[in-house]
């Protein structure tokens, strides 16, 4: 879990959790009235989203009921491919446990921490226990890199798997050639020296690099 700097989410929440739910847009509008229609089976049961048809199935109904039941205990945002929940620590654990199979990542804010550089994150534990850098690709990366450059980058990451980690499925599918598009995503690097060859191969496609600093009382 990442710990960020001092400003609370929406002025009150300390935790942010992101879930891969490209089908969640079918819930719009997310009023209780509309969500209840979903649960009652009196709403449209199929919708075309993100180039795919999605049905109102068990996972959609589970999300709809969760939002209705706990709306006052959290804030949520439905995006094109994901759903973001903002809450306090205790409720964050409930959200992650409920939608564990879709969980993508978390951030934890420390309102008492001193202000730091926007691309530096203090944490008690480095991501996956060892990675100091998170390399974010531009949203239009698929219009920037040539096929040969994609192949070179993926080959480098896989050859150096002890130093590099790709957990984001959108990035992995793109770099492996399973899809010609990639609108967002990131991968991890454990040391600064690994950034140099990556910049040489794909600097024009890199949006930003987040550096993780482990707190003195943190652990791996």
Protein backbone atom coordinates (compact mmCIF):
# COMPACT_ATOMS: atom_id res chain seq x y z
CA UNK A 1 0.00 0.00 0.00
CA UNK A 2 1.38 3.37 -0.97
CA UNK A 3 1.56 6.25 1.48
CA UNK A 4 1.30 9.65 -0.16
CA UNK A 5 1.69 13.22 1.11
CA UNK A 6 -0.50 15.40 3.25
CA UNK A 7 -3.77 16.35 1.52
CA UNK A 8 -6.71 14.04 2.30
CA UNK A 9 -8.85 12.65 -0.51
CA UNK A 10 -11.90 14.93 -0.79
CA UNK A 11 -10.79 16.57 2.44
CA UNK A 12 -11.78 13.61 4.65
CA UNK A 13 -10.63 10.19 3.39
CA UNK A 14 -7.22 8.60 4.02
CA UNK A 15 -7.47 5.58 1.74
CA UNK A 16 -7.94 5.11 -2.01
CA UNK A 17 -8.47 1.70 -3.62
CA UNK A 18 -8.57 1.03 -7.36
CA UNK A 19 -10.36 -1.94 -8.94
CA UNK A 20 -10.31 -3.18 -12.54
CA UNK A 21 -13.99 -3.06 -13.49
CA UNK A 22 -14.39 -2.13 -17.18
CA UNK A 23 -18.06 -3.18 -16.96
CA UNK A 24 -18.99 -0.83 -14.08
CA UNK A 25 -20.21 1.93 -16.41
CA UNK A 26 -23.39 -0.06 -16.90
CA UNK A 27 -24.47 1.25 -13.48
CA UNK A 28 -24.82 4.85 -14.68
CA UNK A 29 -26.60 6.82 -13.39
CA UNK A 30 -25.61 5.61 -9.91
CA UNK A 31 -28.62 6.97 -8.03
CA UNK A 32 -30.26 4.63 -5.54
CA UNK A 33 -33.36 4.60 -7.75
CA UNK A 34 -31.46 3.37 -10.78
CA UNK A 35 -29.39 0.85 -8.80
CA UNK A 36 -32.56 -0.55 -7.25
CA UNK A 37 -33.95 -1.10 -10.76
CA UNK A 38 -30.83 -3.14 -11.48
CA UNK A 39 -31.41 -5.26 -8.38
CA UNK A 40 -35.12 -5.65 -9.21
CA UNK A 41 -34.38 -6.74 -12.77
CA UNK A 42 -36.40 -3.91 -14.32
CA UNK A 43 -33.44 -2.16 -15.99
CA UNK A 44 -31.63 -2.65 -19.31
CA UNK A 45 -29.63 -5.86 -19.00
CA UNK A 46 -26.97 -5.31 -21.69
CA UNK A 47 -24.79 -2.31 -22.58
CA UNK A 48 -21.96 -1.71 -25.04
CA UNK A 49 -18.92 -0.39 -23.14
CA UNK A 50 -15.22 -0.19 -24.07
CA UNK A 51 -15.81 -2.03 -27.35
CA UNK A 52 -17.50 -4.94 -25.56
CA UNK A 53 -21.03 -5.90 -24.55
CA UNK A 54 -21.52 -6.20 -20.79
CA UNK A 55 -24.51 -7.79 -19.07
CA UNK A 56 -26.05 -7.04 -15.70
CA UNK A 57 -24.70 -10.18 -14.04
CA UNK A 58 -23.81 -11.21 -10.49
CA UNK A 59 -20.69 -9.03 -10.27
CA UNK A 60 -22.59 -5.95 -11.48
CA UNK A 61 -25.41 -6.56 -8.99
CA UNK A 62 -22.90 -7.09 -6.20
CA UNK A 63 -21.32 -3.70 -6.90
CA UNK A 64 -24.72 -2.02 -7.15
CA UNK A 65 -25.83 -3.39 -3.79
CA UNK A 66 -22.52 -2.47 -2.16
CA UNK A 67 -22.84 1.14 -3.34
CA UNK A 68 -26.41 1.36 -2.09
CA UNK A 69 -25.61 -0.20 1.29
CA UNK A 70 -22.48 1.82 2.04
CA UNK A 71 -22.81 5.05 0.06
CA UNK A 72 -22.56 7.18 3.22
CA UNK A 73 -19.33 5.51 4.37
CA UNK A 74 -17.26 6.16 1.27
CA UNK A 75 -16.98 8.04 -2.00
CA UNK A 76 -16.56 6.32 -5.35
CA UNK A 77 -15.75 7.18 -8.95
CA UNK A 78 -16.53 5.00 -11.95
CA UNK A 79 -13.96 5.51 -14.73
CA UNK A 80 -13.64 3.97 -18.18
CA UNK A 81 -11.84 0.83 -17.04
CA UNK A 82 -11.87 1.02 -13.26
CA UNK A 83 -13.72 1.98 -10.11
CA UNK A 84 -12.04 4.01 -7.35
CA UNK A 85 -13.21 3.97 -3.74
CA UNK A 86 -12.19 6.55 -1.11
CA UNK A 87 -12.70 5.75 2.57
CA UNK A 88 -11.11 5.48 6.00
CA UNK A 89 -8.74 2.66 6.91
CA UNK A 90 -11.25 0.22 8.41
CA UNK A 91 -13.73 0.51 5.57
CA UNK A 92 -10.93 0.26 2.99
CA UNK A 93 -10.21 -3.25 4.28
CA UNK A 94 -13.87 -4.18 3.79
CA UNK A 95 -13.87 -2.86 0.22
CA UNK A 96 -10.72 -4.79 -0.71
CA UNK A 97 -12.04 -8.00 0.85
CA UNK A 98 -15.36 -7.63 -0.97
CA UNK A 99 -13.85 -7.03 -4.42
CA UNK A 100 -10.52 -8.80 -3.97
CA UNK A 101 -10.57 -10.44 -7.42
CA UNK A 102 -10.73 -7.01 -9.08
CA UNK A 103 -8.30 -5.14 -6.80
CA UNK A 104 -5.54 -3.25 -8.63
CA UNK A 105 -3.83 -1.14 -5.95
CA UNK A 106 -4.12 1.21 -2.99
CA UNK A 107 -2.89 4.54 -1.68
CA UNK A 108 -2.80 5.66 1.93
CA UNK A 109 -2.45 9.32 2.81
CA UNK A 110 -0.61 10.65 5.84
CA UNK A 111 -2.18 14.04 6.71
CA UNK A 112 0.61 14.76 9.23
CA UNK A 113 3.49 14.19 6.83
CA UNK A 114 5.55 17.06 5.52
CA UNK A 115 4.93 18.09 1.94
CA UNK A 116 7.16 16.25 -0.51
CA UNK A 117 7.82 16.25 -4.22
CA UNK A 118 4.71 15.18 -6.13
CA UNK A 119 6.64 12.31 -7.73
CA UNK A 120 7.97 10.95 -4.43
CA UNK A 121 5.95 8.64 -2.20
CA UNK A 122 6.89 7.70 1.38
CA UNK A 123 5.87 4.20 2.40
CA UNK A 124 6.39 1.71 5.21
CA UNK A 125 7.03 -1.04 2.68
CA UNK A 126 8.33 -0.79 -0.88
CA UNK A 127 5.93 -2.06 -3.58
CA UNK A 128 6.20 -5.85 -3.72
CA UNK A 129 8.92 -5.57 -1.10
CA UNK A 130 11.71 -4.21 -3.31
CA UNK A 131 10.73 -1.82 -6.13
CA UNK A 132 11.79 1.81 -5.74
CA UNK A 133 10.39 3.19 -9.01
CA UNK A 134 7.06 3.04 -10.79
CA UNK A 135 7.30 3.98 -14.48
CA UNK A 136 4.05 5.35 -15.92
CA UNK A 137 3.43 5.25 -19.66
CA UNK A 138 1.61 8.00 -21.51
CA UNK A 139 -2.09 7.51 -22.23
CA UNK A 140 -1.43 7.45 -25.97
CA UNK A 141 1.66 5.24 -25.78
CA UNK A 142 0.29 3.02 -28.56
CA UNK A 143 0.56 5.97 -30.98
CA UNK A 144 4.17 6.70 -29.96
CA UNK A 145 6.14 3.46 -29.91
CA UNK A 146 6.89 1.44 -33.01
CA UNK A 147 6.47 -2.35 -32.95
CA UNK A 148 10.23 -2.79 -32.84
CA UNK A 149 10.48 -0.44 -29.85
CA UNK A 150 7.70 -2.29 -28.05
CA UNK A 151 9.50 -5.58 -28.64
CA UNK A 152 12.81 -4.13 -27.41
CA UNK A 153 11.25 -2.78 -24.21
CA UNK A 154 9.41 -6.01 -23.42
CA UNK A 155 12.53 -8.08 -24.09
CA UNK A 156 14.52 -5.88 -21.71
CA UNK A 157 11.91 -6.16 -18.96
CA UNK A 158 11.66 -9.94 -19.27
CA UNK A 159 15.45 -10.43 -19.43
CA UNK A 160 15.79 -8.40 -16.24
CA UNK A 161 12.87 -9.93 -14.36
CA UNK A 162 14.84 -9.80 -11.10
CA UNK A 163 14.86 -6.01 -11.39
CA UNK A 164 11.65 -5.28 -13.32
CA UNK A 165 8.03 -6.21 -12.69
CA UNK A 166 4.96 -5.69 -14.88
CA UNK A 167 1.75 -6.25 -12.90
CA UNK A 168 -0.56 -3.96 -14.85
CA UNK A 169 -2.50 -6.17 -17.27
CA UNK A 170 -3.07 -3.39 -19.81
CA UNK A 171 0.66 -2.75 -20.11
CA UNK A 172 1.49 -6.45 -20.19
CA UNK A 173 -1.04 -7.24 -22.94
CA UNK A 174 0.23 -4.28 -24.97
CA UNK A 175 3.93 -5.11 -24.63
CA UNK A 176 3.30 -8.79 -25.35
CA UNK A 177 1.44 -7.88 -28.54
CA UNK A 178 -1.97 -9.19 -27.41
CA UNK A 179 -3.57 -5.79 -28.02
CA UNK A 180 -2.50 -2.86 -30.26
CA UNK A 181 -3.70 -0.28 -27.73
CA UNK A 182 -2.63 0.89 -24.28
CA UNK A 183 -4.28 3.92 -22.70
CA UNK A 184 -2.64 3.88 -19.30
CA UNK A 185 -0.47 1.75 -17.03
CA UNK A 186 2.88 1.34 -15.33
CA UNK A 187 5.61 -1.11 -14.38
CA UNK A 188 8.13 -1.33 -11.54
CA UNK A 189 11.93 -1.00 -11.42
CA UNK A 190 14.01 -1.79 -8.35
CA UNK A 191 17.04 0.47 -8.87
CA UNK A 192 17.80 3.86 -10.41
CA UNK A 193 20.44 2.38 -12.72
CA UNK A 194 17.74 0.37 -14.49
CA UNK A 195 16.02 3.59 -15.54
CA UNK A 196 18.84 4.63 -17.86
CA UNK A 197 18.36 1.90 -20.50
CA UNK A 198 14.58 2.25 -20.21
CA UNK A 199 14.84 5.98 -20.95
CA UNK A 200 17.08 5.17 -23.92
CA UNK A 201 14.48 2.77 -25.30
CA UNK A 202 11.22 4.53 -24.49
CA UNK A 203 11.69 8.02 -23.05
CA UNK A 204 9.20 9.55 -25.48
CA UNK A 205 6.51 7.19 -24.16
CA UNK A 206 7.11 7.78 -20.44
CA UNK A 207 4.67 10.10 -18.68
CA UNK A 208 6.29 10.16 -15.23
CA UNK A 209 8.37 8.12 -12.81
CA UNK A 210 7.23 7.77 -9.20
CA UNK A 211 9.98 7.19 -6.62
CA UNK A 212 9.20 5.29 -3.42
CA UNK A 213 11.08 6.22 -0.25
CA UNK A 214 10.84 3.78 2.62
CA UNK A 215 10.23 5.36 6.00
CA UNK A 216 12.84 4.75 8.68
CA UNK A 217 10.51 2.53 10.69
CA UNK A 218 9.32 0.68 7.60
CA UNK A 219 10.05 -2.91 6.60
CA UNK A 220 10.18 -5.13 3.52
